[in-house]
Amino acid sequence: MRNYLQYLYHKYRRLFTLILLVSFVFRNTSEAQIATSTGKIISNASMDSFLQKQMDSLKLPGLSIAFINKGKIIYHRALGVTDIKTKKPVDEQSVFEAASLSKPVFAYWVMKLVDRGVLNLDTPLYKYLPYPDIAQDERYKLITARMVLSHQSGFPNWRFFTADSSLHVKPGALYLNFKPGASFGYSGEGFLYLGKVVAHLLNRSLQNMEPAFEKDVAQLLHMPHSSYTANPYILEHKVKGHQDGHIDPTNGLNWPILPSLGIDSNTFNPAASLHTNALDYAAFIIALMKDKGLSSASFREMYRPQLNVPLPEDFRKAGYSTWGLGIAIAQSSSGTVYLHSGNNGNFQSAFMMDKARKSGYVFFTNCDHGNVFNEKLEAFLSLK
């Protein structure tokens, strides 16, 4: 995983511009088509040609992409290869690392548990489960699920990133950058703590939480190829990650492994370990569009701006206005949109949702060129 703030500006600037450029509509033809804000109509054949050119020019090994309109998938492609050595084709069963696109799905599950009364958004998490990793700082007892889901916990993204020297943090120790609730700081550590709390409340551990997720979310939303932990299907159909034009060997099975935290392929990591593809994730986005599976109150909380402080400059420059629960919020010329992205280095991905129009897109790549792909896609959609 890469430091989120280091790549955020360049990635989200392109994503936000893309939101301004494109809407997805049905035309009176035999197929759904993509129409940009400039009035350009993109047929399936034109999009196919564009995507193939990008696959070739950017040397994208694989791509899974879907466009949604009026709450339905109108275009989907699985392109390229799972592995540049074997040349095995990507298909509709292939799965990719979702990286931080794991977070919105977990947030949805947390809200289901809120609906069931399993936990409360504003109860300090330590009352459910004390956290020895941060026990040295009593301020952690202020952290709530709401703070975690809106990135106000005070935790760093990951503890192994370099801390401010003024904090005098020992290498590998967990720490707080600010008093919980006082500011915004994107954090995978916060999601990991909340994941441990959820597991405890369900009388499970992070090593056996997957069946509960499948029952509560994956089966409900028809996401058959999505899992946070290893299973025979995922291990058979997972594509290989690529970095600098080569298969990335750093993660073995290319699972986002955090050895210092005891996280491996059998550990449910709510911040980063979801494995999925565009068809499955589009089903999740459609559920968000249609307010499926949660109470109206929970959906209002997810979509409601949660911050009383401005976002950091990098976020604001990228066009973001605030953060909801598990999802970012931005304003486009057509209204409010919700979005998120993921970057494990050798896997990059993104989604955008215009809830009012029930339109959006999601894509996954198995390399470090997904950001450049976003830029090319934006340029293609903006042509008159």
Protein backbone atom coordinates (compact mmCIF):
# COMPACT_ATOMS: atom_id res chain seq x y z
CA MET A 1 0.00 0.00 0.00
CA ARG A 2 1.17 3.48 -0.72
CA ASN A 3 0.84 6.59 1.41
CA TYR A 4 -2.65 7.79 0.52
CA LEU A 5 -1.89 11.48 0.78
CA GLN A 6 1.14 11.21 -1.49
CA TYR A 7 -0.84 10.14 -4.53
CA LEU A 8 -4.26 11.60 -3.67
CA TYR A 9 -4.01 14.92 -5.46
CA HIS A 10 -2.93 13.60 -8.84
CA LYS A 11 -5.38 10.70 -8.79
CA TYR A 12 -8.45 12.54 -7.52
CA ARG A 13 -7.88 15.60 -9.70
CA ARG A 14 -8.41 13.37 -12.71
CA LEU A 15 -11.34 11.56 -11.12
CA PHE A 16 -13.13 14.78 -10.26
CA THR A 17 -12.60 16.19 -13.73
CA LEU A 18 -13.97 12.97 -15.15
CA ILE A 19 -17.11 13.42 -13.05
CA LEU A 20 -17.62 16.87 -14.57
CA LEU A 21 -17.24 15.52 -18.07
CA VAL A 22 -19.43 12.48 -18.24
CA SER A 23 -22.96 11.30 -17.54
CA PHE A 24 -24.47 7.98 -18.54
CA VAL A 25 -27.82 7.87 -20.37
CA PHE A 26 -30.04 5.56 -22.40
CA ARG A 27 -30.74 6.52 -26.00
CA ASN A 28 -33.49 5.31 -28.30
CA THR A 29 -31.27 2.68 -29.85
CA SER A 30 -30.85 -1.03 -29.45
CA GLU A 31 -28.09 -0.55 -26.88
CA ALA A 32 -27.23 1.75 -24.01
CA GLN A 33 -24.62 4.34 -24.87
CA ILE A 34 -22.38 6.74 -23.02
CA ALA A 35 -22.98 10.46 -23.53
CA THR A 36 -20.56 13.14 -22.30
CA SER A 37 -21.54 16.60 -21.10
CA THR A 38 -20.29 17.96 -24.44
CA GLY A 39 -22.97 15.92 -26.22
CA LYS A 40 -20.60 13.29 -27.54
CA ILE A 41 -22.20 9.85 -27.85
CA ILE A 42 -19.90 6.90 -27.31
CA SER A 43 -21.04 3.58 -28.72
CA ASN A 44 -19.95 0.25 -27.31
CA ALA A 45 -17.75 -0.24 -30.37
CA SER A 46 -16.04 3.12 -29.82
CA MET A 47 -15.43 2.38 -26.16
CA ASP A 48 -14.10 -1.06 -27.07
CA SER A 49 -11.65 0.52 -29.48
CA PHE A 50 -10.56 3.15 -26.97
CA LEU A 51 -9.99 0.62 -24.21
CA GLN A 52 -7.95 -1.65 -26.45
CA LYS A 53 -5.75 1.25 -27.52
CA GLN A 54 -5.14 2.14 -23.87
CA MET A 55 -4.38 -1.46 -23.02
CA ASP A 56 -1.75 -1.47 -25.76
CA SER A 57 -0.23 1.99 -25.26
CA LEU A 58 -0.16 1.92 -21.46
CA LYS A 59 0.73 -1.75 -21.36
CA LEU A 60 -2.09 -2.47 -18.95
CA PRO A 61 -1.95 -6.22 -18.23
CA GLY A 62 -5.62 -6.49 -17.26
CA LEU A 63 -8.73 -4.36 -16.82
CA SER A 64 -12.20 -4.96 -15.40
CA ILE A 65 -14.58 -2.05 -16.02
CA ALA A 66 -18.30 -1.36 -15.83
CA PHE A 67 -20.55 1.61 -16.54
CA ILE A 68 -23.95 2.01 -14.83
CA ASN A 69 -27.00 3.98 -15.92
CA LYS A 70 -30.44 4.15 -14.36
CA GLY A 71 -29.36 1.57 -11.84
CA LYS A 72 -28.29 -1.01 -14.41
CA ILE A 73 -24.97 -2.13 -15.83
CA ILE A 74 -24.97 -0.88 -19.42
CA TYR A 75 -21.40 -1.74 -20.36
CA HIS A 76 -18.87 -4.20 -18.97
CA ARG A 77 -15.57 -5.55 -20.21
CA ALA A 78 -12.91 -7.91 -18.85
CA LEU A 79 -9.77 -7.30 -20.90
CA GLY A 80 -6.13 -8.29 -21.07
CA VAL A 81 -4.26 -10.97 -19.18
CA THR A 82 -4.05 -12.09 -15.59
CA ASP A 83 -0.31 -12.63 -15.83
CA ILE A 84 2.11 -11.28 -18.46
CA LYS A 85 4.08 -14.54 -18.32
CA THR A 86 1.29 -17.08 -18.77
CA LYS A 87 -0.90 -14.74 -20.90
CA LYS A 88 -4.00 -16.26 -19.33
CA PRO A 89 -6.94 -14.00 -20.34
CA VAL A 90 -8.88 -11.94 -17.82
CA ASP A 91 -12.53 -13.00 -17.79
CA GLU A 92 -15.71 -12.30 -15.83
CA GLN A 93 -14.54 -14.65 -13.08
CA SER A 94 -11.19 -12.90 -12.60
CA VAL A 95 -10.74 -11.00 -9.33
CA PHE A 96 -8.54 -8.02 -8.49
CA GLU A 97 -7.32 -6.41 -5.30
CA ALA A 98 -9.77 -3.62 -4.48
CA ALA A 99 -7.25 -1.90 -2.17
CA SER A 100 -9.06 1.02 -0.50
CA LEU A 101 -12.27 0.29 -2.38
CA SER A 102 -12.59 -2.24 0.46
CA LYS A 103 -13.56 0.59 2.82
CA PRO A 104 -16.96 1.61 1.38
CA VAL A 105 -18.14 -2.01 1.35
CA PHE A 106 -17.09 -2.49 4.97
CA ALA A 107 -18.78 0.81 5.90
CA TYR A 108 -22.01 -0.53 4.38
CA TRP A 109 -21.72 -3.65 6.54
CA VAL A 110 -21.11 -1.55 9.66
CA MET A 111 -24.30 0.37 8.94
CA LYS A 112 -26.21 -2.92 8.69
CA LEU A 113 -24.91 -3.77 12.16
CA VAL A 114 -26.00 -0.34 13.37
CA ASP A 115 -29.48 -1.06 12.03
CA ARG A 116 -29.48 -4.34 13.97
CA GLY A 117 -28.40 -2.63 17.17
CA VAL A 118 -25.09 -4.49 17.32
CA LEU A 119 -23.18 -1.23 17.76
CA ASN A 120 -23.78 2.49 17.93
CA LEU A 121 -22.00 4.99 15.72
CA ASP A 122 -21.22 7.29 18.63
CA THR A 123 -20.28 4.85 21.40
CA PRO A 124 -16.50 5.00 22.04
CA LEU A 125 -15.02 1.84 20.57
CA TYR A 126 -12.94 1.06 23.65
CA LYS A 127 -16.19 0.34 25.51
CA TYR A 128 -16.72 -2.54 23.11
CA LEU A 129 -13.08 -3.58 22.87
CA PRO A 130 -10.05 -1.88 24.46
CA TYR A 131 -7.10 -1.53 22.09
CA PRO A 132 -3.75 -2.42 23.68
CA ASP A 133 -1.85 -1.13 20.62
CA ILE A 134 -2.69 2.46 21.55
CA ALA A 135 -3.31 2.11 25.30
CA GLN A 136 -0.45 4.51 26.03
CA ASP A 137 -2.55 7.41 24.68
CA GLU A 138 -5.78 7.85 26.61
CA ARG A 139 -7.19 10.04 23.85
CA TYR A 140 -7.96 6.92 21.83
CA LYS A 141 -10.91 6.34 24.15
CA LEU A 142 -12.70 9.12 22.27
CA ILE A 143 -12.71 7.19 18.99
CA THR A 144 -16.12 6.12 17.67
CA ALA A 145 -17.26 4.20 14.61
CA ARG A 146 -18.45 7.48 13.10
CA MET A 147 -14.97 8.95 13.45
CA VAL A 148 -13.36 5.89 11.86
CA LEU A 149 -15.74 5.80 8.88
CA SER A 150 -15.24 9.53 8.23
CA HIS A 151 -11.46 9.43 8.86
CA GLN A 152 -11.46 11.49 12.04
CA SER A 153 -9.92 8.84 14.34
CA GLY A 154 -6.55 10.57 14.57
CA PHE A 155 -4.69 7.42 13.54
CA PRO A 156 -2.12 7.55 10.72
CA ASN A 157 -2.93 5.75 7.49
CA TRP A 158 -0.64 2.91 8.64
CA ARG A 159 1.65 2.85 11.65
CA PHE A 160 4.69 1.84 9.61
CA PHE A 161 4.63 5.12 7.68
CA THR A 162 7.12 7.67 9.03
CA ALA A 163 5.62 9.64 11.91
CA ASP A 164 6.20 13.31 12.64
CA SER A 165 9.46 13.41 14.58
CA SER A 166 7.88 15.68 17.18
CA LEU A 167 5.61 12.80 18.24
CA HIS A 168 8.61 10.72 19.37
CA VAL A 169 7.02 7.50 18.12
CA LYS A 170 8.95 4.25 18.31
CA PRO A 171 9.23 2.41 14.97
CA GLY A 172 6.23 0.13 14.45
CA ALA A 173 4.18 1.66 17.28
CA LEU A 174 0.64 2.91 16.74
CA TYR A 175 0.07 6.59 17.49
CA LEU A 176 -2.38 9.48 17.14
CA ASN A 177 -1.70 12.47 14.92
CA PHE A 178 -4.44 14.53 16.59
CA LYS A 179 -7.21 14.33 19.14
CA PRO A 180 -9.95 12.06 17.73
CA GLY A 181 -12.75 14.07 16.15
CA ALA A 182 -10.69 17.25 15.89
CA SER A 183 -9.49 16.92 12.31
CA PHE A 184 -9.42 14.74 9.18
CA GLY A 185 -6.73 12.17 8.55
CA TYR A 186 -7.20 9.31 6.09
CA SER A 187 -6.56 6.10 8.00
CA GLY A 188 -6.51 2.39 7.31
CA GLU A 189 -5.54 1.82 10.95
CA GLY A 190 -8.89 3.21 12.06
CA PHE A 191 -10.73 0.72 9.86
CA LEU A 192 -8.58 -2.09 11.21
CA TYR A 193 -9.52 -1.19 14.80
CA LEU A 194 -13.21 -0.99 13.88
CA GLY A 195 -12.87 -4.35 12.16
CA LYS A 196 -11.55 -5.86 15.37
CA VAL A 197 -14.47 -4.34 17.27
CA VAL A 198 -16.98 -5.78 14.78
CA ALA A 199 -15.37 -9.21 15.01
CA HIS A 200 -15.55 -9.07 18.81
CA LEU A 201 -19.22 -8.05 18.78
CA LEU A 202 -20.02 -10.93 16.42
CA ASN A 203 -18.09 -13.37 18.64
CA ARG A 204 -15.57 -13.88 15.88
CA SER A 205 -12.00 -12.94 15.02
CA LEU A 206 -10.53 -11.33 11.93
CA GLN A 207 -9.55 -14.84 10.84
CA ASN A 208 -13.12 -16.20 10.75
CA MET A 209 -15.22 -13.12 9.99
CA GLU A 210 -15.62 -13.78 6.25
CA PRO A 211 -18.71 -16.06 6.56
CA ALA A 212 -20.58 -13.31 8.40
CA PHE A 213 -19.68 -10.80 5.69
CA GLU A 214 -20.82 -13.17 2.97
CA LYS A 215 -24.17 -13.71 4.69
CA ASP A 216 -24.82 -10.05 5.50
CA VAL A 217 -23.45 -8.38 2.37
CA ALA A 218 -22.04 -10.49 -0.47
CA GLN A 219 -25.05 -12.79 -0.82
CA LEU A 220 -27.56 -9.99 -0.31
CA LEU A 221 -26.01 -7.79 -2.98
CA HIS A 222 -25.18 -10.62 -5.41
CA MET A 223 -21.40 -10.31 -5.16
CA PRO A 224 -20.41 -13.98 -5.61
CA HIS A 225 -16.79 -13.29 -6.51
CA SER A 226 -15.96 -10.93 -3.64
CA SER A 227 -14.06 -11.84 -0.48
CA TYR A 228 -11.81 -10.18 2.08
CA THR A 229 -9.94 -13.40 2.79
CA ALA A 230 -8.45 -16.24 0.82
CA ASN A 231 -10.61 -19.10 -0.39
CA PRO A 232 -10.17 -21.65 -3.19
CA TYR A 233 -12.10 -19.53 -5.70
CA ILE A 234 -10.15 -16.35 -5.00
CA LEU A 235 -6.81 -18.12 -5.11
CA GLU A 236 -7.69 -19.75 -8.44
CA HIS A 237 -9.08 -16.65 -10.14
CA LYS A 238 -7.00 -13.82 -8.71
CA VAL A 239 -4.96 -11.94 -11.28
CA LYS A 240 -1.31 -11.12 -10.67
CA GLY A 241 -0.25 -7.61 -9.71
CA HIS A 242 2.33 -5.82 -11.89
CA GLN A 243 4.74 -3.00 -11.15
CA ASP A 244 7.08 -1.27 -13.59
CA GLY A 245 6.11 -3.71 -16.32
CA HIS A 246 6.92 -6.80 -14.29
CA ILE A 247 5.00 -9.16 -12.05
CA ASP A 248 5.38 -7.74 -8.55
CA PRO A 249 6.92 -10.43 -6.33
CA THR A 250 6.80 -8.46 -3.08
CA ASN A 251 3.52 -9.85 -1.82
CA GLY A 252 3.90 -13.50 -2.76
CA LEU A 253 0.32 -14.28 -3.76
CA ASN A 254 -0.10 -10.54 -4.35
CA TRP A 255 -2.26 -10.27 -1.23
CA PRO A 256 -1.95 -6.98 0.71
CA ILE A 257 0.00 -8.50 3.58
CA LEU A 258 1.00 -6.45 6.62
CA PRO A 259 3.35 -8.79 8.51
CA SER A 260 4.01 -6.38 11.35
CA LEU A 261 0.28 -6.30 12.11
CA GLY A 262 -0.23 -10.03 11.84
CA ILE A 263 -2.33 -9.63 8.68
CA ASP A 264 -2.12 -12.29 6.01
CA SER A 265 -4.40 -13.74 3.33
CA ASN A 266 -6.59 -15.37 5.99
CA THR A 267 -7.19 -12.10 7.83
CA PHE A 268 -10.19 -9.87 7.21
CA ASN A 269 -8.64 -6.44 6.70
CA PRO A 270 -11.57 -4.01 6.23
CA ALA A 271 -9.26 -1.27 4.96
CA ALA A 272 -7.65 -3.05 2.04
CA SER A 273 -8.11 -6.80 1.55
CA LEU A 274 -11.30 -7.04 -0.52
CA HIS A 275 -10.87 -9.01 -3.74
CA THR A 276 -13.50 -8.44 -6.39
CA ASN A 277 -14.17 -7.35 -9.99
CA ALA A 278 -16.16 -4.68 -11.79
CA LEU A 279 -19.37 -6.73 -12.10
CA ASP A 280 -19.48 -7.51 -8.39
CA TYR A 281 -18.55 -3.99 -7.33
CA ALA A 282 -21.08 -2.49 -9.71
CA ALA A 283 -23.72 -4.55 -7.89
CA PHE A 284 -22.62 -2.85 -4.67
CA ILE A 285 -22.80 0.60 -6.27
CA ILE A 286 -26.27 -0.16 -7.59
CA ALA A 287 -27.35 -1.16 -4.08
CA LEU A 288 -26.15 2.25 -2.86
CA MET A 289 -28.03 3.96 -5.67
CA LYS A 290 -31.26 2.15 -4.81
CA ASP A 291 -30.90 2.38 -1.02
CA LYS A 292 -30.95 -1.41 -0.77
CA GLY A 293 -30.31 -3.33 2.43
CA LEU A 294 -30.11 -0.49 4.97
CA SER A 295 -32.61 1.67 6.78
CA SER A 296 -33.30 5.11 5.33
CA ALA A 297 -31.66 6.58 8.45
CA SER A 298 -28.44 4.66 7.84
CA PHE A 299 -28.29 5.71 4.21
CA ARG A 300 -28.82 9.32 5.22
CA GLU A 301 -25.87 9.03 7.59
CA MET A 302 -23.66 7.48 4.90
CA TYR A 303 -24.39 10.27 2.44
CA ARG A 304 -24.45 13.11 4.96
CA PRO A 305 -21.32 15.27 5.29
CA GLN A 306 -19.69 14.23 8.56
CA LEU A 307 -16.90 16.79 8.90
CA ASN A 308 -16.98 20.00 10.88
CA VAL A 309 -13.49 20.86 9.70
CA PRO A 310 -12.23 21.57 6.17
CA LEU A 311 -10.51 18.80 4.28
CA PRO A 312 -6.73 19.11 3.84
CA GLU A 313 -5.62 21.26 0.95
CA ASP A 314 -4.77 18.31 -1.30
CA PHE A 315 -8.32 17.02 -1.01
CA ARG A 316 -9.88 20.43 -1.58
CA LYS A 317 -7.72 21.09 -4.63
CA ALA A 318 -8.92 17.79 -6.01
CA GLY A 319 -12.50 19.07 -5.81
CA TYR A 320 -13.65 17.21 -2.72
CA SER A 321 -16.08 19.00 -0.47
CA THR A 322 -16.29 16.62 2.50
CA TRP A 323 -16.59 12.99 3.60
CA GLY A 324 -19.55 10.81 4.46
CA LEU A 325 -19.39 7.42 6.18
CA GLY A 326 -17.00 5.32 4.12
CA ILE A 327 -17.27 7.43 0.98
CA ALA A 328 -15.96 10.75 -0.27
CA ILE A 329 -18.33 13.50 -1.41
CA ALA A 330 -17.75 15.96 -4.23
CA GLN A 331 -19.80 18.53 -6.10
CA SER A 332 -20.00 18.44 -9.89
CA SER A 333 -21.89 20.60 -12.37
CA SER A 334 -24.70 18.04 -12.22
CA GLY A 335 -24.88 17.89 -8.42
CA THR A 336 -23.49 15.74 -5.63
CA VAL A 337 -21.42 12.67 -6.44
CA TYR A 338 -19.87 9.97 -4.25
CA LEU A 339 -16.57 8.28 -4.97
CA HIS A 340 -13.53 6.41 -3.75
CA SER A 341 -10.32 5.00 -5.16
CA GLY A 342 -7.81 2.32 -4.33
CA ASN A 343 -4.06 1.99 -4.79
CA ASN A 344 -1.94 -0.92 -3.67
CA GLY A 345 0.73 0.08 -6.17
CA ASN A 346 0.45 -3.06 -8.26
CA PHE A 347 -3.36 -2.75 -8.27
CA GLN A 348 -5.24 0.53 -8.86
CA SER A 349 -8.99 1.15 -9.02
CA ALA A 350 -11.75 3.75 -8.67
CA PHE A 351 -15.50 4.25 -8.65
CA MET A 352 -17.86 7.21 -8.99
CA MET A 353 -21.60 7.31 -8.29
CA ASP A 354 -24.16 9.96 -9.20
CA LYS A 355 -26.95 8.77 -6.93
CA ALA A 356 -29.61 11.18 -8.19
CA ARG A 357 -29.20 9.91 -11.76
CA LYS A 358 -28.34 6.36 -10.69
CA SER A 359 -25.27 6.44 -12.90
CA GLY A 360 -21.58 5.76 -12.41
CA TYR A 361 -18.61 3.58 -13.19
CA VAL A 362 -16.01 1.34 -11.58
CA PHE A 363 -12.75 -0.15 -12.83
CA PHE A 364 -9.91 -2.31 -11.57
CA THR A 365 -6.41 -2.71 -13.02
CA ASN A 366 -3.67 -5.14 -12.03
CA CYS A 367 -0.78 -2.71 -12.40
CA ASP A 368 0.57 0.70 -11.41
CA HIS A 369 -0.78 2.50 -14.51
CA GLY A 370 -4.39 2.87 -13.40
CA ASN A 371 -3.92 6.58 -12.66
CA VAL A 372 -2.62 7.22 -16.16
CA PHE A 373 -5.54 5.22 -17.53
CA ASN A 374 -7.88 7.61 -15.70
CA GLU A 375 -6.20 10.54 -17.41
CA LYS A 376 -6.56 8.97 -20.86
CA LEU A 377 -10.18 8.06 -20.22
CA GLU A 378 -10.92 11.65 -19.20
CA ALA A 379 -9.37 12.97 -22.39
CA PHE A 380 -11.36 10.51 -24.50
CA LEU A 381 -14.65 11.45 -22.88
CA SER A 382 -13.96 15.16 -23.24
CA LEU A 383 -13.44 15.11 -27.01
CA LYS A 384 -16.07 17.04 -28.99
